[in-house]
Amino acid sequence: MESISLKDYTTYKLKEKVTVLVEPETQKELIHLLEYIKENKLSYKIIGGGSNLIFQKDYEGILIRLNAFDTLKIEDTKVQVGAGYPTLKLALKLSRMGYTGLEFATGIPGTIGGAIFNNAGAYGSDMGYVVESILVITPELKIKRMYNRDLDFHYRTSFLKQHPDYICLEASLVLKKGNKEEIIEIIEDRKKRRLMSQPLEFPSAGSVFRNPDDIPAGKLIEEVGLKGYQVGGAKVSEKHANFIVTDGTASGKDIVAIIRTIQKKVKEKYQIDLILEQEIVE
C-alpha cells in the first residue's frame, strides 16, 4: 500500500498522506520488518487507532499498524489481550461480562497498545491501575516482558511514551468480579453525560489538553474567547472547548495552528502552560 490518505487511519480524518502503510500479522513479520527498516535507516512509526495523532505534513516513512495483534484470552480475572485490540470494544465486552476495573475506558477510542502508551484514563482511573505486565519488542529487537513497576505510569504518560522505540505487543490485565447490573448502569449514565457534553458527532481526537490542577482546560479556553475558533477545516468545539473537531477537510496544520493559538492566549491571560495530550507527528 503506497501513498495512502490518512483519512481512514486518524480519528481527525486528516487529509495528509503516508508513503507506505504496513500491517504485519505476526511477531515474526514485525521483527523482520523492523530489521529491514533499521538496516536501511528508514523512518517509521507505530500506530493503533490513530486517535491521538496529528500529522502536520505527509509522512515520508513507514507507518506500522498492529491491528492484526488482536488476540483475547480471559481466565478468571486475568485478561491477556493483543496490543491492536480496540480499547472501547474490550472495555464494553468485559464490563458486560461482569468484570470491574475497565469501566473508565468504555468511552476511550484507539487500541490497547495506544492506551497503555498514553496511560489513557478517565473518571479517576487509568491503565496503570489494571495492567499487570506487557510483552514488548526492545530497541535491540528482542522480545521481553515488562511489569507494572517497570512501566512508570503517571498521568497520561508511561515508560513507553518516554521510550517509543519499545513496542507493545500484548498486555496482561487484572480485573475484579463485580455486579454486572451496577457496572452497566454506571457505563450507561456516563455515556449519556458524554453525549450531552462532548461533540461525539464530529471527527476529533478527544481531549486536546491535560486539565491543570485548579481549573479544567475547557474552561480556560472558553475564558480566552476561543470557543468556536476556526482554522481551515478544524475548529474549537462549541459544545466542549477542550475538543477540536473537523469537517473532514482539515489538515494537521489547521489543528496545530489552533493548538498554538490556545496555548498562547491561555499563557498570556493566566500564566498557565497547557500541556498537549495528543501527539504532533513531525
C-alpha atoms as a PDB file:
ATOM      1  CA  MET A   1       0.000   0.000   0.000  1.00  0.00           C
ATOM      2  CA  GLU A   2       1.630   3.258  -1.076  1.00  0.00           C
ATOM      3  CA  SER A   3       0.810   6.989  -0.874  1.00  0.00           C
ATOM      4  CA  ILE A   4      -2.237   6.447   1.311  1.00  0.00           C
ATOM      5  CA  SER A   5      -4.559   9.115   2.666  1.00  0.00           C
ATOM      6  CA  LEU A   6      -4.612   9.241   6.460  1.00  0.00           C
ATOM      7  CA  LYS A   7      -8.348  10.000   6.490  1.00  0.00           C
ATOM      8  CA  ASP A   8      -9.188   6.396   7.296  1.00  0.00           C
ATOM      9  CA  TYR A   9      -6.339   5.999   9.789  1.00  0.00           C
ATOM     10  CA  THR A  10      -6.774   9.043  12.053  1.00  0.00           C
ATOM     11  CA  THR A  11      -9.852   9.983  14.059  1.00  0.00           C
ATOM     12  CA  TYR A  12      -9.384  13.620  12.983  1.00  0.00           C
ATOM     13  CA  LYS A  13      -9.872  12.365   9.384  1.00  0.00           C
ATOM     14  CA  LEU A  14      -6.751  14.229   8.247  1.00  0.00           C
ATOM     15  CA  LYS A  15      -6.049  14.794   4.554  1.00  0.00           C
ATOM     16  CA  GLU A  16      -2.286  14.193   4.836  1.00  0.00           C
ATOM     17  CA  LYS A  17      -0.789  11.065   3.269  1.00  0.00           C
ATOM     18  CA  VAL A  18       1.756   8.433   4.189  1.00  0.00           C
ATOM     19  CA  THR A  19       4.316   6.895   1.837  1.00  0.00           C
ATOM     20  CA  VAL A  20       3.831   3.288   2.998  1.00  0.00           C
ATOM     21  CA  LEU A  21       1.482   1.634   5.482  1.00  0.00           C
ATOM     22  CA  VAL A  22       2.147  -1.946   6.618  1.00  0.00           C
ATOM     23  CA  GLU A  23       0.042  -4.256   8.771  1.00  0.00           C
ATOM     24  CA  PRO A  24       2.180  -7.213   9.930  1.00  0.00           C
ATOM     25  CA  GLU A  25       0.206 -10.217  11.118  1.00  0.00           C
ATOM     26  CA  THR A  26       2.738 -11.944  13.379  1.00  0.00           C
ATOM     27  CA  GLN A  27       5.564 -11.056  15.747  1.00  0.00           C
ATOM     28  CA  LYS A  28       7.998 -12.669  13.308  1.00  0.00           C
ATOM     29  CA  GLU A  29       6.762 -10.492  10.414  1.00  0.00           C
ATOM     30  CA  LEU A  30       7.021  -7.393  12.592  1.00  0.00           C
ATOM     31  CA  ILE A  31      10.588  -8.170  13.653  1.00  0.00           C
ATOM     32  CA  HIS A  32      11.639  -8.834  10.039  1.00  0.00           C
ATOM     33  CA  LEU A  33      10.072  -5.514   9.023  1.00  0.00           C
ATOM     34  CA  LEU A  34      11.903  -3.664  11.816  1.00  0.00           C
ATOM     35  CA  GLU A  35      15.172  -5.327  10.814  1.00  0.00           C
ATOM     36  CA  TYR A  36      14.674  -4.078   7.237  1.00  0.00           C
ATOM     37  CA  ILE A  37      13.811  -0.579   8.474  1.00  0.00           C
ATOM     38  CA  LYS A  38      16.882  -0.368  10.703  1.00  0.00           C
ATOM     39  CA  GLU A  39      19.236  -1.799   8.066  1.00  0.00           C
ATOM     40  CA  ASN A  40      18.031   0.793   5.559  1.00  0.00           C
ATOM     41  CA  LYS A  41      17.802   3.639   8.091  1.00  0.00           C
ATOM     42  CA  LEU A  42      14.144   4.339   7.239  1.00  0.00           C
ATOM     43  CA  SER A  43      11.710   6.461   9.241  1.00  0.00           C
ATOM     44  CA  TYR A  44       8.833   4.589  10.830  1.00  0.00           C
ATOM     45  CA  LYS A  45       6.065   4.980  13.373  1.00  0.00           C
ATOM     46  CA  ILE A  46       3.827   2.513  15.158  1.00  0.00           C
ATOM     47  CA  ILE A  47       0.146   3.471  15.163  1.00  0.00           C
ATOM     48  CA  GLY A  48      -3.008   1.975  16.603  1.00  0.00           C
ATOM     49  CA  GLY A  49      -6.385   3.586  16.012  1.00  0.00           C
ATOM     50  CA  GLY A  50      -4.861   6.968  15.135  1.00  0.00           C
ATOM     51  CA  SER A  51      -6.942   8.516  17.902  1.00  0.00           C
ATOM     52  CA  ASN A  52      -4.190  10.662  19.388  1.00  0.00           C
ATOM     53  CA  LEU A  53      -2.118  11.664  16.365  1.00  0.00           C
ATOM     54  CA  ILE A  54      -1.794  14.916  14.411  1.00  0.00           C
ATOM     55  CA  PHE A  55       0.221  14.687  11.197  1.00  0.00           C
ATOM     56  CA  GLN A  56       1.425  18.186  10.211  1.00  0.00           C
ATOM     57  CA  LYS A  57       2.506  17.047   6.757  1.00  0.00           C
ATOM     58  CA  ASP A  58       2.704  13.951   4.568  1.00  0.00           C
ATOM     59  CA  TYR A  59       4.643  11.261   6.439  1.00  0.00           C
ATOM     60  CA  GLU A  60       7.628  10.178   4.352  1.00  0.00           C
ATOM     61  CA  GLY A  61       8.242   6.874   6.013  1.00  0.00           C
ATOM     62  CA  ILE A  62       6.532   3.668   7.055  1.00  0.00           C
ATOM     63  CA  LEU A  63       3.503   3.547   9.322  1.00  0.00           C
ATOM     64  CA  ILE A  64       3.085   0.201  11.051  1.00  0.00           C
ATOM     65  CA  ARG A  65      -0.402  -0.732  12.256  1.00  0.00           C
ATOM     66  CA  LEU A  66      -0.687  -3.558  14.764  1.00  0.00           C
ATOM     67  CA  ASN A  67      -4.426  -4.106  14.347  1.00  0.00           C
ATOM     68  CA  ALA A  68      -3.843  -7.779  13.490  1.00  0.00           C
ATOM     69  CA  PHE A  69      -2.445  -8.246  17.017  1.00  0.00           C
ATOM     70  CA  ASP A  70      -5.950  -8.613  18.425  1.00  0.00           C
ATOM     71  CA  THR A  71      -5.963 -11.880  20.374  1.00  0.00           C
ATOM     72  CA  LEU A  72      -8.036 -12.081  23.544  1.00  0.00           C
ATOM     73  CA  LYS A  73      -7.886 -14.684  26.306  1.00  0.00           C
ATOM     74  CA  ILE A  74      -9.853 -14.427  29.560  1.00  0.00           C
ATOM     75  CA  GLU A  75      -9.023 -16.678  32.511  1.00  0.00           C
ATOM     76  CA  ASP A  76     -10.876 -15.889  35.725  1.00  0.00           C
ATOM     77  CA  THR A  77      -9.967 -12.223  36.432  1.00  0.00           C
ATOM     78  CA  LYS A  78      -6.850 -12.147  34.258  1.00  0.00           C
ATOM     79  CA  VAL A  79      -7.099 -10.889  30.673  1.00  0.00           C
ATOM     80  CA  GLN A  80      -4.430 -11.378  28.020  1.00  0.00           C
ATOM     81  CA  VAL A  81      -5.034  -9.082  25.062  1.00  0.00           C
ATOM     82  CA  GLY A  82      -3.162  -8.093  21.911  1.00  0.00           C
ATOM     83  CA  ALA A  83      -1.941  -4.513  21.506  1.00  0.00           C
ATOM     84  CA  GLY A  84      -4.161  -3.998  18.456  1.00  0.00           C
ATOM     85  CA  TYR A  85      -7.433  -4.876  20.207  1.00  0.00           C
ATOM     86  CA  PRO A  86      -9.793  -1.855  20.321  1.00  0.00           C
ATOM     87  CA  THR A  87      -9.868  -0.374  23.834  1.00  0.00           C
ATOM     88  CA  LEU A  88     -13.535   0.584  23.819  1.00  0.00           C
ATOM     89  CA  LYS A  89     -14.582  -2.833  22.474  1.00  0.00           C
ATOM     90  CA  LEU A  90     -12.592  -4.630  25.200  1.00  0.00           C
ATOM     91  CA  ALA A  91     -13.893  -2.401  27.983  1.00  0.00           C
ATOM     92  CA  LEU A  92     -17.513  -2.908  26.929  1.00  0.00           C
ATOM     93  CA  LYS A  93     -17.102  -6.676  26.475  1.00  0.00           C
ATOM     94  CA  LEU A  94     -15.522  -7.191  29.894  1.00  0.00           C
ATOM     95  CA  SER A  95     -17.935  -4.849  31.651  1.00  0.00           C
ATOM     96  CA  ARG A  96     -20.914  -6.706  30.172  1.00  0.00           C
ATOM     97  CA  MET A  97     -19.374  -9.941  31.459  1.00  0.00           C
ATOM     98  CA  GLY A  98     -19.393  -8.514  34.981  1.00  0.00           C
ATOM     99  CA  TYR A  99     -15.740  -7.543  35.308  1.00  0.00           C
ATOM    100  CA  THR A 100     -14.959  -4.251  37.034  1.00  0.00           C
ATOM    101  CA  GLY A 101     -11.861  -2.087  36.661  1.00  0.00           C
ATOM    102  CA  LEU A 102     -12.067  -1.122  32.992  1.00  0.00           C
ATOM    103  CA  GLU A 103     -15.360   0.808  33.014  1.00  0.00           C
ATOM    104  CA  PHE A 104     -13.427   4.079  32.651  1.00  0.00           C
ATOM    105  CA  ALA A 105     -12.305   3.002  29.162  1.00  0.00           C
ATOM    106  CA  THR A 106     -15.778   2.494  27.666  1.00  0.00           C
ATOM    107  CA  GLY A 107     -15.535   5.941  26.067  1.00  0.00           C
ATOM    108  CA  ILE A 108     -11.893   5.777  25.012  1.00  0.00           C
ATOM    109  CA  PRO A 109     -11.103   5.138  21.319  1.00  0.00           C
ATOM    110  CA  GLY A 110      -7.924   3.621  19.887  1.00  0.00           C
ATOM    111  CA  THR A 111      -6.223   0.345  20.760  1.00  0.00           C
ATOM    112  CA  ILE A 112      -4.923  -1.264  23.941  1.00  0.00           C
ATOM    113  CA  GLY A 113      -1.306  -0.632  22.900  1.00  0.00           C
ATOM    114  CA  GLY A 114      -2.043   3.052  22.440  1.00  0.00           C
ATOM    115  CA  ALA A 115      -3.982   3.229  25.701  1.00  0.00           C
ATOM    116  CA  ILE A 116      -1.004   1.787  27.591  1.00  0.00           C
ATOM    117  CA  PHE A 117       1.466   4.020  25.716  1.00  0.00           C
ATOM    118  CA  ASN A 118      -0.507   7.143  26.731  1.00  0.00           C
ATOM    119  CA  ASN A 119      -1.759   5.740  30.046  1.00  0.00           C
ATOM    120  CA  ALA A 120      -5.277   6.579  28.919  1.00  0.00           C
ATOM    121  CA  GLY A 121      -7.754   7.241  31.677  1.00  0.00           C
ATOM    122  CA  ALA A 122     -10.987   8.833  32.834  1.00  0.00           C
ATOM    123  CA  TYR A 123     -13.141   9.143  35.950  1.00  0.00           C
ATOM    124  CA  GLY A 124     -10.148   8.963  38.297  1.00  0.00           C
ATOM    125  CA  SER A 125      -8.697   5.747  36.874  1.00  0.00           C
ATOM    126  CA  ASP A 126      -6.282   4.794  34.096  1.00  0.00           C
ATOM    127  CA  MET A 127      -4.450   1.862  32.525  1.00  0.00           C
ATOM    128  CA  GLY A 128      -1.806   1.901  35.256  1.00  0.00           C
ATOM    129  CA  TYR A 129      -4.403   0.502  37.669  1.00  0.00           C
ATOM    130  CA  VAL A 130      -5.204  -2.598  35.584  1.00  0.00           C
ATOM    131  CA  VAL A 131      -2.019  -3.506  33.646  1.00  0.00           C
ATOM    132  CA  GLU A 132      -0.069  -6.307  35.311  1.00  0.00           C
ATOM    133  CA  SER A 133       2.544  -6.681  32.557  1.00  0.00           C
ATOM    134  CA  ILE A 134       3.158  -6.212  28.850  1.00  0.00           C
ATOM    135  CA  LEU A 135       5.152  -8.002  26.180  1.00  0.00           C
ATOM    136  CA  VAL A 136       7.398  -5.685  24.163  1.00  0.00           C
ATOM    137  CA  ILE A 137       9.931  -5.671  21.372  1.00  0.00           C
ATOM    138  CA  THR A 138      13.017  -3.851  22.653  1.00  0.00           C
ATOM    139  CA  PRO A 139      15.191  -1.475  20.560  1.00  0.00           C
ATOM    140  CA  GLU A 140      17.515  -4.486  20.080  1.00  0.00           C
ATOM    141  CA  LEU A 141      14.529  -6.375  18.575  1.00  0.00           C
ATOM    142  CA  LYS A 142      14.317  -8.832  21.458  1.00  0.00           C
ATOM    143  CA  ILE A 143      11.006  -9.870  22.997  1.00  0.00           C
ATOM    144  CA  LYS A 144      10.796  -9.020  26.689  1.00  0.00           C
ATOM    145  CA  ARG A 145       8.151  -8.915  29.414  1.00  0.00           C
ATOM    146  CA  MET A 146       7.860  -5.717  31.436  1.00  0.00           C
ATOM    147  CA  TYR A 147       5.875  -5.457  34.667  1.00  0.00           C
ATOM    148  CA  ASN A 148       3.737  -2.669  36.085  1.00  0.00           C
ATOM    149  CA  ARG A 149       6.577  -1.473  38.303  1.00  0.00           C
ATOM    150  CA  ASP A 150       8.777  -1.042  35.202  1.00  0.00           C
ATOM    151  CA  LEU A 151       6.222   0.945  33.214  1.00  0.00           C
ATOM    152  CA  ASP A 152       6.388   4.239  35.133  1.00  0.00           C
ATOM    153  CA  PHE A 153       2.675   5.001  34.789  1.00  0.00           C
ATOM    154  CA  HIS A 154       1.789   8.595  35.632  1.00  0.00           C
ATOM    155  CA  TYR A 155      -0.938  10.991  34.492  1.00  0.00           C
ATOM    156  CA  ARG A 156      -1.229  10.463  30.699  1.00  0.00           C
ATOM    157  CA  THR A 157       2.310   9.110  30.358  1.00  0.00           C
ATOM    158  CA  SER A 158       4.307   5.902  30.750  1.00  0.00           C
ATOM    159  CA  PHE A 159       7.703   4.301  30.148  1.00  0.00           C
ATOM    160  CA  LEU A 160       6.577   3.517  26.592  1.00  0.00           C
ATOM    161  CA  LYS A 161       5.735   7.143  25.863  1.00  0.00           C
ATOM    162  CA  GLN A 162       9.171   8.181  27.083  1.00  0.00           C
ATOM    163  CA  HIS A 163      10.832   5.313  25.152  1.00  0.00           C
ATOM    164  CA  PRO A 164       8.869   4.939  21.874  1.00  0.00           C
ATOM    165  CA  ASP A 165      11.454   2.523  20.453  1.00  0.00           C
ATOM    166  CA  TYR A 166       9.896  -0.133  22.733  1.00  0.00           C
ATOM    167  CA  ILE A 167       6.842  -1.635  21.018  1.00  0.00           C
ATOM    168  CA  CYS A 168       3.957  -3.135  22.974  1.00  0.00           C
ATOM    169  CA  LEU A 169       2.746  -6.455  21.538  1.00  0.00           C
ATOM    170  CA  GLU A 170       0.265  -7.608  24.161  1.00  0.00           C
ATOM    171  CA  ALA A 171      -0.838  -6.921  27.704  1.00  0.00           C
ATOM    172  CA  SER A 172      -1.932  -8.834  30.769  1.00  0.00           C
ATOM    173  CA  LEU A 173      -4.661  -7.043  32.723  1.00  0.00           C
ATOM    174  CA  VAL A 174      -6.020  -7.913  36.152  1.00  0.00           C
ATOM    175  CA  LEU A 175      -9.640  -7.023  36.923  1.00  0.00           C
ATOM    176  CA  LYS A 176     -12.180  -7.926  39.616  1.00  0.00           C
ATOM    177  CA  LYS A 177     -15.579  -9.559  39.560  1.00  0.00           C
ATOM    178  CA  GLY A 178     -18.373  -7.082  40.109  1.00  0.00           C
ATOM    179  CA  ASN A 179     -22.119  -6.640  39.894  1.00  0.00           C
ATOM    180  CA  LYS A 180     -22.966  -6.710  36.186  1.00  0.00           C
ATOM    181  CA  GLU A 181     -26.140  -4.624  36.514  1.00  0.00           C
ATOM    182  CA  GLU A 182     -24.378  -1.909  38.548  1.00  0.00           C
ATOM    183  CA  ILE A 183     -21.458  -1.795  36.109  1.00  0.00           C
ATOM    184  CA  ILE A 184     -23.770  -1.420  33.086  1.00  0.00           C
ATOM    185  CA  GLU A 185     -25.769   1.278  34.894  1.00  0.00           C
ATOM    186  CA  ILE A 186     -22.587   3.304  35.524  1.00  0.00           C
ATOM    187  CA  ILE A 187     -21.489   2.921  31.888  1.00  0.00           C
ATOM    188  CA  GLU A 188     -24.889   3.982  30.513  1.00  0.00           C
ATOM    189  CA  ASP A 189     -25.029   7.007  32.823  1.00  0.00           C
ATOM    190  CA  ARG A 190     -21.553   8.126  31.752  1.00  0.00           C
ATOM    191  CA  LYS A 191     -22.425   7.570  28.095  1.00  0.00           C
ATOM    192  CA  LYS A 192     -25.467   9.850  28.380  1.00  0.00           C
ATOM    193  CA  ARG A 193     -23.370  12.557  30.029  1.00  0.00           C
ATOM    194  CA  ARG A 194     -20.698  12.298  27.319  1.00  0.00           C
ATOM    195  CA  LEU A 195     -23.302  12.593  24.570  1.00  0.00           C
ATOM    196  CA  MET A 196     -24.673  15.747  26.194  1.00  0.00           C
ATOM    197  CA  SER A 197     -21.317  17.385  26.958  1.00  0.00           C
ATOM    198  CA  GLN A 198     -18.923  16.221  24.220  1.00  0.00           C
ATOM    199  CA  PRO A 199     -19.029  16.686  20.404  1.00  0.00           C
ATOM    200  CA  LEU A 200     -19.066  12.974  19.633  1.00  0.00           C
ATOM    201  CA  GLU A 201     -20.943  13.583  16.370  1.00  0.00           C
ATOM    202  CA  PHE A 202     -17.830  15.114  14.749  1.00  0.00           C
ATOM    203  CA  PRO A 203     -14.337  13.748  13.981  1.00  0.00           C
ATOM    204  CA  SER A 204     -11.956  14.580  16.839  1.00  0.00           C
ATOM    205  CA  ALA A 205      -9.237  13.021  18.961  1.00  0.00           C
ATOM    206  CA  GLY A 206     -10.834  13.572  22.346  1.00  0.00           C
ATOM    207  CA  SER A 207      -9.462  15.958  24.946  1.00  0.00           C
ATOM    208  CA  VAL A 208      -6.731  18.139  23.479  1.00  0.00           C
ATOM    209  CA  PHE A 209      -5.042  19.338  26.686  1.00  0.00           C
ATOM    210  CA  ARG A 210      -4.435  17.947  30.145  1.00  0.00           C
ATOM    211  CA  ASN A 211      -6.506  19.607  32.842  1.00  0.00           C
ATOM    212  CA  PRO A 212      -4.426  21.877  35.105  1.00  0.00           C
ATOM    213  CA  ASP A 213      -4.832  21.285  38.854  1.00  0.00           C
ATOM    214  CA  ASP A 214      -7.236  24.109  39.634  1.00  0.00           C
ATOM    215  CA  ILE A 215      -9.408  24.638  36.546  1.00  0.00           C
ATOM    216  CA  PRO A 216     -10.466  22.484  33.575  1.00  0.00           C
ATOM    217  CA  ALA A 217      -8.666  23.219  30.293  1.00  0.00           C
ATOM    218  CA  GLY A 218     -12.004  23.685  28.531  1.00  0.00           C
ATOM    219  CA  LYS A 219     -12.964  26.456  30.955  1.00  0.00           C
ATOM    220  CA  LEU A 220      -9.674  28.286  30.317  1.00  0.00           C
ATOM    221  CA  ILE A 221     -10.200  28.054  26.550  1.00  0.00           C
ATOM    222  CA  GLU A 222     -13.712  29.457  26.930  1.00  0.00           C
ATOM    223  CA  GLU A 223     -12.442  32.292  29.122  1.00  0.00           C
ATOM    224  CA  VAL A 224      -9.965  33.464  26.475  1.00  0.00           C
ATOM    225  CA  GLY A 225     -12.775  33.582  23.919  1.00  0.00           C
ATOM    226  CA  LEU A 226     -11.706  30.724  21.662  1.00  0.00           C
ATOM    227  CA  LYS A 227     -14.826  28.546  21.739  1.00  0.00           C
ATOM    228  CA  GLY A 228     -15.783  28.134  18.071  1.00  0.00           C
ATOM    229  CA  TYR A 229     -12.401  29.470  16.867  1.00  0.00           C
ATOM    230  CA  GLN A 230     -11.753  28.024  13.381  1.00  0.00           C
ATOM    231  CA  VAL A 231      -8.758  27.494  11.114  1.00  0.00           C
ATOM    232  CA  GLY A 232      -9.456  25.796   7.772  1.00  0.00           C
ATOM    233  CA  GLY A 233     -11.451  22.620   8.306  1.00  0.00           C
ATOM    234  CA  ALA A 234     -10.864  22.496  12.074  1.00  0.00           C
ATOM    235  CA  LYS A 235     -12.363  24.411  14.973  1.00  0.00           C
ATOM    236  CA  VAL A 236     -12.677  24.519  18.743  1.00  0.00           C
ATOM    237  CA  SER A 237     -15.905  22.732  19.601  1.00  0.00           C
ATOM    238  CA  GLU A 238     -18.768  24.958  20.703  1.00  0.00           C
ATOM    239  CA  LYS A 239     -20.027  22.085  22.852  1.00  0.00           C
ATOM    240  CA  HIS A 240     -16.770  21.423  24.761  1.00  0.00           C
ATOM    241  CA  ALA A 241     -13.829  23.797  24.310  1.00  0.00           C
ATOM    242  CA  ASN A 242     -11.191  21.145  25.110  1.00  0.00           C
ATOM    243  CA  PHE A 243     -12.134  19.344  21.889  1.00  0.00           C
ATOM    244  CA  ILE A 244     -11.022  20.290  18.394  1.00  0.00           C
ATOM    245  CA  VAL A 245     -13.395  18.949  15.742  1.00  0.00           C
ATOM    246  CA  THR A 246     -13.008  18.698  11.981  1.00  0.00           C
ATOM    247  CA  ASP A 247     -15.315  18.665   8.977  1.00  0.00           C
ATOM    248  CA  GLY A 248     -13.326  16.057   7.037  1.00  0.00           C
ATOM    249  CA  THR A 249     -11.305  18.641   5.071  1.00  0.00           C
ATOM    250  CA  ALA A 250      -8.871  19.618   7.840  1.00  0.00           C
ATOM    251  CA  SER A 251      -5.109  19.355   7.627  1.00  0.00           C
ATOM    252  CA  GLY A 252      -2.834  18.684  10.561  1.00  0.00           C
ATOM    253  CA  LYS A 253      -1.526  22.239  10.158  1.00  0.00           C
ATOM    254  CA  ASP A 254      -5.045  23.602  10.776  1.00  0.00           C
ATOM    255  CA  ILE A 255      -5.235  21.719  14.066  1.00  0.00           C
ATOM    256  CA  VAL A 256      -1.714  22.659  15.169  1.00  0.00           C
ATOM    257  CA  ALA A 257      -2.437  26.341  14.413  1.00  0.00           C
ATOM    258  CA  ILE A 258      -5.462  26.192  16.741  1.00  0.00           C
ATOM    259  CA  ILE A 259      -3.444  24.423  19.433  1.00  0.00           C
ATOM    260  CA  ARG A 260      -0.673  27.045  19.346  1.00  0.00           C
ATOM    261  CA  THR A 261      -3.205  29.902  19.476  1.00  0.00           C
ATOM    262  CA  ILE A 262      -4.921  28.349  22.504  1.00  0.00           C
ATOM    263  CA  GLN A 263      -1.615  27.836  24.332  1.00  0.00           C
ATOM    264  CA  LYS A 264      -0.507  31.404  23.573  1.00  0.00           C
ATOM    265  CA  LYS A 265      -3.781  33.046  24.700  1.00  0.00           C
ATOM    266  CA  VAL A 266      -4.069  30.980  27.898  1.00  0.00           C
ATOM    267  CA  LYS A 267      -0.422  31.683  28.771  1.00  0.00           C
ATOM    268  CA  GLU A 268      -0.897  35.425  28.188  1.00  0.00           C
ATOM    269  CA  LYS A 269      -4.041  35.681  30.338  1.00  0.00           C
ATOM    270  CA  TYR A 270      -3.430  33.111  33.083  1.00  0.00           C
ATOM    271  CA  GLN A 271       0.298  32.303  33.017  1.00  0.00           C
ATOM    272  CA  ILE A 272      -0.644  28.634  32.607  1.00  0.00           C
ATOM    273  CA  ASP A 273       1.162  26.350  30.170  1.00  0.00           C
ATOM    274  CA  LEU A 274      -1.433  23.970  28.747  1.00  0.00           C
ATOM    275  CA  ILE A 275       0.101  20.538  28.149  1.00  0.00           C
ATOM    276  CA  LEU A 276      -0.948  18.744  24.975  1.00  0.00           C
ATOM    277  CA  GLU A 277      -2.428  15.248  25.425  1.00  0.00           C
ATOM    278  CA  GLN A 278      -2.163  14.488  21.712  1.00  0.00           C
ATOM    279  CA  GLU A 279       0.977  13.860  19.677  1.00  0.00           C
ATOM    280  CA  ILE A 280       2.102  16.106  16.837  1.00  0.00           C
ATOM    281  CA  VAL A 281       3.987  13.949  14.328  1.00  0.00           C
ATOM    282  CA  GLU A 282       6.833  15.919  12.750  1.00  0.00           C
END
